[in-house]
């Protein structure tokens, strides 16, 4: 299990709005707050956004070596649909919209979003068990 993830962001107030909305909708709760950062926690794991004074760049590029995206359990398919619909009003843009919700393959139901700073979040629906037929009761 991951202890925490720390994302360095170029604009803390914007990251707090965008990540704060998404994480709250996913069941995370505010955890820590300091001059250059904020964090949200769910269970023993937490996510940090920090505008570190030691940062040397101004934009995250998910296509370069390093973090490509974070994937989150997002509830049911209906929950994923709701989050995907609400996300643009909170600074998130759909990725692969033409293949939604199966951009990850026919058995994978997810929304892929990118925020203003170029971070990608994948919102994954809980797996639906395959259809199984119940055998008829044995005749005695």
C-alpha atoms as a PDB file:
ATOM      1  CA  UNK A   1       0.000   0.000   0.000  1.00  0.00           C
ATOM      2  CA  UNK A   2       1.275   3.480  -0.775  1.00  0.00           C
ATOM      3  CA  UNK A   3       2.038   5.647   2.236  1.00  0.00           C
ATOM      4  CA  UNK A   4       1.775   8.944   0.335  1.00  0.00           C
ATOM      5  CA  UNK A   5       2.253  10.571  -3.052  1.00  0.00           C
ATOM      6  CA  UNK A   6       3.624  14.103  -3.350  1.00  0.00           C
ATOM      7  CA  UNK A   7       2.984  16.210  -6.451  1.00  0.00           C
ATOM      8  CA  UNK A   8       4.919  19.421  -6.970  1.00  0.00           C
ATOM      9  CA  UNK A   9       2.632  21.976  -8.567  1.00  0.00           C
ATOM     10  CA  UNK A  10       3.269  25.418 -10.087  1.00  0.00           C
ATOM     11  CA  UNK A  11       0.191  27.071  -8.542  1.00  0.00           C
ATOM     12  CA  UNK A  12      -0.895  25.923  -5.087  1.00  0.00           C
ATOM     13  CA  UNK A  13      -4.299  27.675  -4.949  1.00  0.00           C
ATOM     14  CA  UNK A  14      -5.267  26.199  -8.334  1.00  0.00           C
ATOM     15  CA  UNK A  15      -4.018  22.730  -7.348  1.00  0.00           C
ATOM     16  CA  UNK A  16      -5.922  22.984  -4.079  1.00  0.00           C
ATOM     17  CA  UNK A  17      -9.148  23.742  -5.997  1.00  0.00           C
ATOM     18  CA  UNK A  18      -8.706  21.089  -8.686  1.00  0.00           C
ATOM     19  CA  UNK A  19      -7.204  18.264  -6.644  1.00  0.00           C
ATOM     20  CA  UNK A  20      -9.274  19.189  -3.597  1.00  0.00           C
ATOM     21  CA  UNK A  21     -12.526  18.797  -5.533  1.00  0.00           C
ATOM     22  CA  UNK A  22     -11.497  15.466  -7.062  1.00  0.00           C
ATOM     23  CA  UNK A  23     -10.099  13.977  -3.880  1.00  0.00           C
ATOM     24  CA  UNK A  24     -13.119  15.063  -1.819  1.00  0.00           C
ATOM     25  CA  UNK A  25     -15.444  13.425  -4.368  1.00  0.00           C
ATOM     26  CA  UNK A  26     -13.351  10.239  -4.067  1.00  0.00           C
ATOM     27  CA  UNK A  27     -13.725  10.171  -0.280  1.00  0.00           C
ATOM     28  CA  UNK A  28     -10.456  11.809   0.783  1.00  0.00           C
ATOM     29  CA  UNK A  29     -10.476  14.304   3.649  1.00  0.00           C
ATOM     30  CA  UNK A  30      -8.267  17.353   4.246  1.00  0.00           C
ATOM     31  CA  UNK A  31      -5.272  16.225   6.270  1.00  0.00           C
ATOM     32  CA  UNK A  32      -2.442  18.787   6.450  1.00  0.00           C
ATOM     33  CA  UNK A  33      -2.013  22.415   5.494  1.00  0.00           C
ATOM     34  CA  UNK A  34       1.168  24.518   5.463  1.00  0.00           C
ATOM     35  CA  UNK A  35       2.488  27.566   3.630  1.00  0.00           C
ATOM     36  CA  UNK A  36       3.525  25.706   0.477  1.00  0.00           C
ATOM     37  CA  UNK A  37       1.259  22.664   0.501  1.00  0.00           C
ATOM     38  CA  UNK A  38      -1.903  20.769   1.293  1.00  0.00           C
ATOM     39  CA  UNK A  39      -2.746  17.106   1.691  1.00  0.00           C
ATOM     40  CA  UNK A  40      -5.813  14.866   1.684  1.00  0.00           C
ATOM     41  CA  UNK A  41      -6.033  11.489   3.371  1.00  0.00           C
ATOM     42  CA  UNK A  42      -8.033   8.315   2.934  1.00  0.00           C
ATOM     43  CA  UNK A  43      -7.220   5.564   5.382  1.00  0.00           C
ATOM     44  CA  UNK A  44      -3.476   5.270   5.891  1.00  0.00           C
ATOM     45  CA  UNK A  45      -2.582   6.881   2.531  1.00  0.00           C
ATOM     46  CA  UNK A  46      -2.495  10.525   1.603  1.00  0.00           C
ATOM     47  CA  UNK A  47      -1.806  12.761  -1.401  1.00  0.00           C
ATOM     48  CA  UNK A  48       0.174  15.993  -1.169  1.00  0.00           C
ATOM     49  CA  UNK A  49       0.234  18.971  -3.530  1.00  0.00           C
ATOM     50  CA  UNK A  50       3.111  21.332  -2.873  1.00  0.00           C
ATOM     51  CA  UNK A  51       4.410  24.463  -4.534  1.00  0.00           C
ATOM     52  CA  UNK A  52       7.940  23.879  -3.341  1.00  0.00           C
ATOM     53  CA  UNK A  53      10.446  26.734  -3.388  1.00  0.00           C
ATOM     54  CA  UNK A  54      12.982  24.110  -4.595  1.00  0.00           C
ATOM     55  CA  UNK A  55      10.975  23.372  -7.777  1.00  0.00           C
ATOM     56  CA  UNK A  56      12.970  24.004 -10.973  1.00  0.00           C
ATOM     57  CA  UNK A  57      10.245  23.722 -13.647  1.00  0.00           C
ATOM     58  CA  UNK A  58       6.854  25.286 -14.217  1.00  0.00           C
ATOM     59  CA  UNK A  59       4.761  22.492 -15.770  1.00  0.00           C
ATOM     60  CA  UNK A  60       4.305  18.763 -15.349  1.00  0.00           C
ATOM     61  CA  UNK A  61       4.599  16.735 -18.555  1.00  0.00           C
ATOM     62  CA  UNK A  62       3.014  13.312 -18.254  1.00  0.00           C
ATOM     63  CA  UNK A  63       4.647  12.283 -21.533  1.00  0.00           C
ATOM     64  CA  UNK A  64       8.183  12.633 -20.143  1.00  0.00           C
ATOM     65  CA  UNK A  65       9.954  10.222 -17.806  1.00  0.00           C
ATOM     66  CA  UNK A  66       8.367  10.342 -14.387  1.00  0.00           C
ATOM     67  CA  UNK A  67       4.752  10.196 -13.338  1.00  0.00           C
ATOM     68  CA  UNK A  68       2.314   9.523 -16.174  1.00  0.00           C
ATOM     69  CA  UNK A  69      -0.890   9.394 -14.132  1.00  0.00           C
ATOM     70  CA  UNK A  70      -2.574   8.431 -10.894  1.00  0.00           C
ATOM     71  CA  UNK A  71      -5.420   5.915 -11.048  1.00  0.00           C
ATOM     72  CA  UNK A  72      -8.144   5.949  -8.403  1.00  0.00           C
ATOM     73  CA  UNK A  73     -10.942   3.559  -7.485  1.00  0.00           C
ATOM     74  CA  UNK A  74     -13.982   5.710  -8.246  1.00  0.00           C
ATOM     75  CA  UNK A  75     -16.995   3.594  -7.325  1.00  0.00           C
ATOM     76  CA  UNK A  76     -19.605   2.319  -9.734  1.00  0.00           C
ATOM     77  CA  UNK A  77     -19.885   3.030 -13.453  1.00  0.00           C
ATOM     78  CA  UNK A  78     -22.562   5.603 -12.626  1.00  0.00           C
ATOM     79  CA  UNK A  79     -20.153   7.257 -10.156  1.00  0.00           C
ATOM     80  CA  UNK A  80     -17.464   7.448 -12.853  1.00  0.00           C
ATOM     81  CA  UNK A  81     -19.976   8.925 -15.312  1.00  0.00           C
ATOM     82  CA  UNK A  82     -21.018  11.564 -12.760  1.00  0.00           C
ATOM     83  CA  UNK A  83     -17.423  12.513 -11.947  1.00  0.00           C
ATOM     84  CA  UNK A  84     -16.526  12.698 -15.642  1.00  0.00           C
ATOM     85  CA  UNK A  85     -19.501  14.991 -16.282  1.00  0.00           C
ATOM     86  CA  UNK A  86     -18.705  17.278 -13.318  1.00  0.00           C
ATOM     87  CA  UNK A  87     -14.930  17.409 -13.834  1.00  0.00           C
ATOM     88  CA  UNK A  88     -14.733  20.174 -16.488  1.00  0.00           C
ATOM     89  CA  UNK A  89     -16.391  22.647 -14.107  1.00  0.00           C
ATOM     90  CA  UNK A  90     -13.520  21.976 -11.680  1.00  0.00           C
ATOM     91  CA  UNK A  91     -10.495  22.401 -13.960  1.00  0.00           C
ATOM     92  CA  UNK A  92     -10.300  18.876 -15.382  1.00  0.00           C
ATOM     93  CA  UNK A  93     -10.435  18.119 -19.122  1.00  0.00           C
ATOM     94  CA  UNK A  94     -11.401  14.711 -20.534  1.00  0.00           C
ATOM     95  CA  UNK A  95      -8.689  12.716 -22.293  1.00  0.00           C
ATOM     96  CA  UNK A  96      -9.559  10.153 -24.956  1.00  0.00           C
ATOM     97  CA  UNK A  97     -13.177  11.405 -24.925  1.00  0.00           C
ATOM     98  CA  UNK A  98     -13.917   9.715 -28.247  1.00  0.00           C
ATOM     99  CA  UNK A  99     -13.239   6.336 -26.587  1.00  0.00           C
ATOM    100  CA  UNK A 100     -14.980   7.018 -23.252  1.00  0.00           C
ATOM    101  CA  UNK A 101     -15.509   4.959 -21.140  1.00  0.00           C
ATOM    102  CA  UNK A 102     -13.419   2.158 -22.663  1.00  0.00           C
ATOM    103  CA  UNK A 103     -10.188   3.968 -23.607  1.00  0.00           C
ATOM    104  CA  UNK A 104      -8.324   1.417 -21.480  1.00  0.00           C
ATOM    105  CA  UNK A 105      -9.904  -1.521 -23.299  1.00  0.00           C
ATOM    106  CA  UNK A 106     -13.342  -3.112 -23.648  1.00  0.00           C
ATOM    107  CA  UNK A 107     -13.351  -4.579 -20.125  1.00  0.00           C
ATOM    108  CA  UNK A 108     -11.988  -1.441 -18.409  1.00  0.00           C
ATOM    109  CA  UNK A 109     -14.529   1.269 -17.500  1.00  0.00           C
ATOM    110  CA  UNK A 110     -12.755   4.524 -16.630  1.00  0.00           C
ATOM    111  CA  UNK A 111     -12.593   8.264 -17.165  1.00  0.00           C
ATOM    112  CA  UNK A 112      -9.235   9.799 -18.011  1.00  0.00           C
ATOM    113  CA  UNK A 113      -8.844  13.446 -17.038  1.00  0.00           C
ATOM    114  CA  UNK A 114      -6.077  16.019 -17.140  1.00  0.00           C
ATOM    115  CA  UNK A 115      -5.975  19.167 -15.045  1.00  0.00           C
ATOM    116  CA  UNK A 116      -4.735  22.674 -15.784  1.00  0.00           C
ATOM    117  CA  UNK A 117      -1.174  21.750 -14.759  1.00  0.00           C
ATOM    118  CA  UNK A 118      -1.009  18.659 -16.979  1.00  0.00           C
ATOM    119  CA  UNK A 119      -1.518  15.979 -14.320  1.00  0.00           C
ATOM    120  CA  UNK A 120      -3.616  13.009 -15.375  1.00  0.00           C
ATOM    121  CA  UNK A 121      -6.069  11.173 -13.155  1.00  0.00           C
ATOM    122  CA  UNK A 122      -7.753   7.936 -14.156  1.00  0.00           C
ATOM    123  CA  UNK A 123     -11.066   7.227 -12.441  1.00  0.00           C
ATOM    124  CA  UNK A 124     -11.701   3.496 -12.528  1.00  0.00           C
ATOM    125  CA  UNK A 125     -15.108   1.894 -12.007  1.00  0.00           C
ATOM    126  CA  UNK A 126     -15.394  -1.130  -9.768  1.00  0.00           C
ATOM    127  CA  UNK A 127     -15.253  -4.298 -11.774  1.00  0.00           C
ATOM    128  CA  UNK A 128     -18.560  -5.900 -12.542  1.00  0.00           C
ATOM    129  CA  UNK A 129     -18.450  -9.649 -12.011  1.00  0.00           C
ATOM    130  CA  UNK A 130     -18.833 -11.601 -15.232  1.00  0.00           C
ATOM    131  CA  UNK A 131     -22.275 -12.940 -15.975  1.00  0.00           C
ATOM    132  CA  UNK A 132     -22.599 -16.430 -14.622  1.00  0.00           C
ATOM    133  CA  UNK A 133     -25.457 -18.778 -15.031  1.00  0.00           C
ATOM    134  CA  UNK A 134     -26.735 -20.552 -11.981  1.00  0.00           C
ATOM    135  CA  UNK A 135     -27.040 -24.246 -12.715  1.00  0.00           C
ATOM    136  CA  UNK A 136     -30.509 -25.691 -12.259  1.00  0.00           C
ATOM    137  CA  UNK A 137     -31.116 -27.436  -8.958  1.00  0.00           C
ATOM    138  CA  UNK A 138     -30.333 -31.136  -8.907  1.00  0.00           C
ATOM    139  CA  UNK A 139     -33.344 -33.382  -9.295  1.00  0.00           C
ATOM    140  CA  UNK A 140     -33.571 -36.099  -6.657  1.00  0.00           C
END
